[in-house]
Amino acid sequence: MSDTETQAKATALAGGAIASALLETLFDKGTLSLDESRSVLDRAIRSLGLVMQTPEGMSAVSLIGALQRGKFSARR
């Protein structure tokens, strides 16, 4: 794996970790409701667009879906 590819993957992981932590913090503090938090996750999936058809895109959708079924489940 090239240094550029490694840096790109690390940047993506860091960005996802920060976004996830921010969403959870805003939800835990009551700044975002459950519906608003789920809306953010829905928008994230829609923003993937055509990349959803790639292996990376499918993995991203799967990870976002896990958040929707976990902490941000509508059946809480």
N, C-alpha and C. Protein backbone atom coordinates (compact mmCIF):
# COMPACT_ATOMS: atom_id res chain seq x y z
N MET A 1 0.86 -1.17 0.00
CA MET A 1 0.00 0.00 0.00
C MET A 1 0.90 1.24 0.00
N SER A 2 0.57 2.19 -0.86
CA SER A 2 1.40 3.39 -0.95
C SER A 2 1.13 4.33 0.23
N ASP A 3 2.08 5.23 0.45
CA ASP A 3 1.91 6.22 1.52
C ASP A 3 0.67 7.07 1.29
N THR A 4 0.40 7.40 0.03
CA THR A 4 -0.78 8.21 -0.29
C THR A 4 -2.06 7.45 0.04
N GLU A 5 -2.10 6.18 -0.30
CA GLU A 5 -3.27 5.36 -0.01
C GLU A 5 -3.45 5.19 1.49
N THR A 6 -2.37 4.97 2.20
CA THR A 6 -2.43 4.84 3.66
C THR A 6 -2.95 6.13 4.29
N GLN A 7 -2.46 7.26 3.82
CA GLN A 7 -2.89 8.55 4.36
C GLN A 7 -4.36 8.79 4.04
N ALA A 8 -4.79 8.42 2.85
CA ALA A 8 -6.20 8.60 2.47
C ALA A 8 -7.11 7.77 3.37
N LYS A 9 -6.73 6.53 3.62
CA LYS A 9 -7.53 5.66 4.49
C LYS A 9 -7.54 6.17 5.92
N ALA A 10 -6.41 6.64 6.41
CA ALA A 10 -6.33 7.17 7.77
C ALA A 10 -7.18 8.43 7.89
N THR A 11 -7.17 9.26 6.88
CA THR A 11 -7.99 10.48 6.89
C THR A 11 -9.47 10.12 6.91
N ALA A 12 -9.87 9.15 6.12
CA ALA A 12 -11.26 8.72 6.10
C ALA A 12 -11.69 8.15 7.46
N LEU A 13 -10.83 7.33 8.05
CA LEU A 13 -11.14 6.76 9.37
C LEU A 13 -11.25 7.85 10.43
N ALA A 14 -10.33 8.79 10.42
CA ALA A 14 -10.37 9.88 11.40
C ALA A 14 -11.62 10.72 11.22
N GLY A 15 -11.96 11.04 9.98
CA GLY A 15 -13.16 11.83 9.72
C GLY A 15 -14.42 11.12 10.18
N GLY A 16 -14.51 9.83 9.91
CA GLY A 16 -15.66 9.05 10.36
C GLY A 16 -15.76 8.97 11.87
N ALA A 17 -14.62 8.79 12.52
CA ALA A 17 -14.61 8.71 13.99
C ALA A 17 -15.04 10.04 14.62
N ILE A 18 -14.55 11.13 14.05
CA ILE A 18 -14.91 12.46 14.57
C ILE A 18 -16.40 12.73 14.35
N ALA A 19 -16.89 12.44 13.15
CA ALA A 19 -18.31 12.67 12.85
C ALA A 19 -19.21 11.83 13.74
N SER A 20 -18.84 10.57 13.94
CA SER A 20 -19.63 9.69 14.79
C SER A 20 -19.65 10.17 16.24
N ALA A 21 -18.48 10.56 16.74
CA ALA A 21 -18.41 11.06 18.12
C ALA A 21 -19.21 12.35 18.28
N LEU A 22 -19.15 13.22 17.28
CA LEU A 22 -19.90 14.47 17.34
C LEU A 22 -21.41 14.20 17.33
N LEU A 23 -21.86 13.31 16.46
CA LEU A 23 -23.28 12.96 16.41
C LEU A 23 -23.74 12.39 17.75
N GLU A 24 -22.98 11.47 18.31
CA GLU A 24 -23.34 10.88 19.60
C GLU A 24 -23.35 11.91 20.71
N THR A 25 -22.38 12.81 20.73
CA THR A 25 -22.32 13.84 21.76
C THR A 25 -23.52 14.77 21.67
N LEU A 26 -23.85 15.21 20.46
CA LEU A 26 -25.00 16.11 20.28
C LEU A 26 -26.30 15.42 20.68
N PHE A 27 -26.41 14.14 20.39
CA PHE A 27 -27.60 13.38 20.78
C PHE A 27 -27.65 13.20 22.30
N ASP A 28 -26.53 12.81 22.89
CA ASP A 28 -26.48 12.60 24.35
C ASP A 28 -26.80 13.87 25.13
N LYS A 29 -26.38 15.02 24.61
CA LYS A 29 -26.63 16.30 25.28
C LYS A 29 -28.05 16.82 25.03
N GLY A 30 -28.79 16.16 24.16
CA GLY A 30 -30.14 16.59 23.85
C GLY A 30 -30.19 17.71 22.81
N THR A 31 -29.06 18.00 22.20
CA THR A 31 -29.03 19.03 21.16
C THR A 31 -29.74 18.53 19.90
N LEU A 32 -29.58 17.25 19.61
CA LEU A 32 -30.29 16.61 18.51
C LEU A 32 -31.23 15.56 19.07
N SER A 33 -32.44 15.53 18.54
CA SER A 33 -33.40 14.49 18.92
C SER A 33 -33.04 13.19 18.19
N LEU A 34 -33.73 12.12 18.55
CA LEU A 34 -33.52 10.85 17.87
C LEU A 34 -33.84 11.00 16.39
N ASP A 35 -34.97 11.64 16.08
CA ASP A 35 -35.35 11.82 14.67
C ASP A 35 -34.31 12.64 13.92
N GLU A 36 -33.80 13.69 14.53
CA GLU A 36 -32.78 14.52 13.88
C GLU A 36 -31.48 13.74 13.67
N SER A 37 -31.12 12.92 14.65
CA SER A 37 -29.91 12.10 14.53
C SER A 37 -30.06 11.09 13.41
N ARG A 38 -31.23 10.47 13.32
CA ARG A 38 -31.49 9.52 12.25
C ARG A 38 -31.49 10.21 10.89
N SER A 39 -31.98 11.43 10.86
CA SER A 39 -31.98 12.21 9.62
C SER A 39 -30.54 12.47 9.15
N VAL A 40 -29.64 12.76 10.09
CA VAL A 40 -28.23 12.96 9.73
C VAL A 40 -27.68 11.68 9.10
N LEU A 41 -28.00 10.54 9.68
CA LEU A 41 -27.50 9.26 9.15
C LEU A 41 -28.12 8.97 7.78
N ASP A 42 -29.39 9.28 7.60
CA ASP A 42 -30.03 9.10 6.29
C ASP A 42 -29.36 9.98 5.24
N ARG A 43 -29.07 11.21 5.62
CA ARG A 43 -28.39 12.12 4.68
C ARG A 43 -27.01 11.61 4.33
N ALA A 44 -26.33 11.04 5.31
CA ALA A 44 -25.00 10.49 5.06
C ALA A 44 -25.07 9.39 4.01
N ILE A 45 -26.06 8.53 4.12
CA ILE A 45 -26.22 7.45 3.14
C ILE A 45 -26.52 8.04 1.76
N ARG A 46 -27.45 8.99 1.71
CA ARG A 46 -27.79 9.59 0.41
C ARG A 46 -26.60 10.33 -0.20
N SER A 47 -25.74 10.88 0.62
CA SER A 47 -24.60 11.64 0.09
C SER A 47 -23.57 10.74 -0.58
N LEU A 48 -23.65 9.45 -0.33
CA LEU A 48 -22.70 8.52 -0.95
C LEU A 48 -22.96 8.37 -2.45
N GLY A 49 -24.19 8.59 -2.87
CA GLY A 49 -24.53 8.56 -4.29
C GLY A 49 -24.05 7.31 -5.00
N LEU A 50 -23.42 7.51 -6.15
CA LEU A 50 -23.00 6.39 -6.99
C LEU A 50 -21.91 5.54 -6.35
N VAL A 51 -21.16 6.12 -5.41
CA VAL A 51 -20.09 5.35 -4.76
C VAL A 51 -20.67 4.19 -3.94
N MET A 52 -21.99 4.22 -3.66
CA MET A 52 -22.62 3.12 -2.92
C MET A 52 -22.47 1.80 -3.65
N GLN A 53 -22.22 1.85 -4.95
CA GLN A 53 -22.11 0.62 -5.75
C GLN A 53 -20.72 0.00 -5.69
N THR A 54 -19.79 0.67 -5.05
CA THR A 54 -18.43 0.14 -4.90
C THR A 54 -18.33 -0.65 -3.60
N PRO A 55 -17.34 -1.50 -3.46
CA PRO A 55 -17.17 -2.23 -2.20
C PRO A 55 -17.02 -1.28 -0.99
N GLU A 56 -16.29 -0.18 -1.18
CA GLU A 56 -16.11 0.78 -0.09
C GLU A 56 -17.43 1.45 0.26
N GLY A 57 -18.20 1.78 -0.77
CA GLY A 57 -19.50 2.42 -0.55
C GLY A 57 -20.46 1.49 0.17
N MET A 58 -20.46 0.22 -0.21
CA MET A 58 -21.32 -0.76 0.46
C MET A 58 -20.92 -0.91 1.92
N SER A 59 -19.63 -0.90 2.19
CA SER A 59 -19.15 -0.98 3.57
C SER A 59 -19.59 0.25 4.36
N ALA A 60 -19.51 1.42 3.74
CA ALA A 60 -19.93 2.66 4.41
C ALA A 60 -21.42 2.60 4.74
N VAL A 61 -22.23 2.17 3.81
CA VAL A 61 -23.68 2.05 4.05
C VAL A 61 -23.94 1.06 5.18
N SER A 62 -23.19 -0.03 5.20
CA SER A 62 -23.34 -1.03 6.25
C SER A 62 -23.01 -0.45 7.63
N LEU A 63 -21.94 0.33 7.69
CA LEU A 63 -21.55 0.93 8.98
C LEU A 63 -22.57 1.97 9.45
N ILE A 64 -23.07 2.77 8.53
CA ILE A 64 -24.09 3.76 8.90
C ILE A 64 -25.36 3.04 9.33
N GLY A 65 -25.70 1.97 8.62
CA GLY A 65 -26.87 1.18 9.00
C GLY A 65 -26.74 0.59 10.39
N ALA A 66 -25.53 0.19 10.75
CA ALA A 66 -25.31 -0.35 12.11
C ALA A 66 -25.59 0.71 13.16
N LEU A 67 -25.23 1.96 12.89
CA LEU A 67 -25.55 3.05 13.82
C LEU A 67 -27.06 3.23 13.92
N GLN A 68 -27.74 3.14 12.77
CA GLN A 68 -29.20 3.31 12.76
C GLN A 68 -29.90 2.20 13.53
N ARG A 69 -29.34 1.02 13.50
CA ARG A 69 -29.94 -0.11 14.22
C ARG A 69 -29.50 -0.17 15.67
N GLY A 70 -28.44 0.54 16.00
CA GLY A 70 -27.89 0.52 17.36
C GLY A 70 -28.40 1.68 18.19
N LYS A 71 -27.50 2.56 18.55
CA LYS A 71 -27.81 3.68 19.44
C LYS A 71 -28.94 4.56 18.90
N PHE A 72 -29.04 4.66 17.59
CA PHE A 72 -30.03 5.55 17.00
C PHE A 72 -31.22 4.79 16.44
N SER A 73 -31.52 3.65 17.03
CA SER A 73 -32.66 2.83 16.60
C SER A 73 -33.97 3.54 16.92
N ALA A 74 -34.91 3.45 15.99
CA ALA A 74 -36.23 4.04 16.21
C ALA A 74 -37.01 3.27 17.27
N ARG A 75 -36.55 2.06 17.62
CA ARG A 75 -37.25 1.22 18.60
C ARG A 75 -36.69 1.36 20.00
N ARG A 76 -36.20 2.50 20.34
CA ARG A 76 -35.61 2.72 21.67
C ARG A 76 -36.68 2.84 22.71
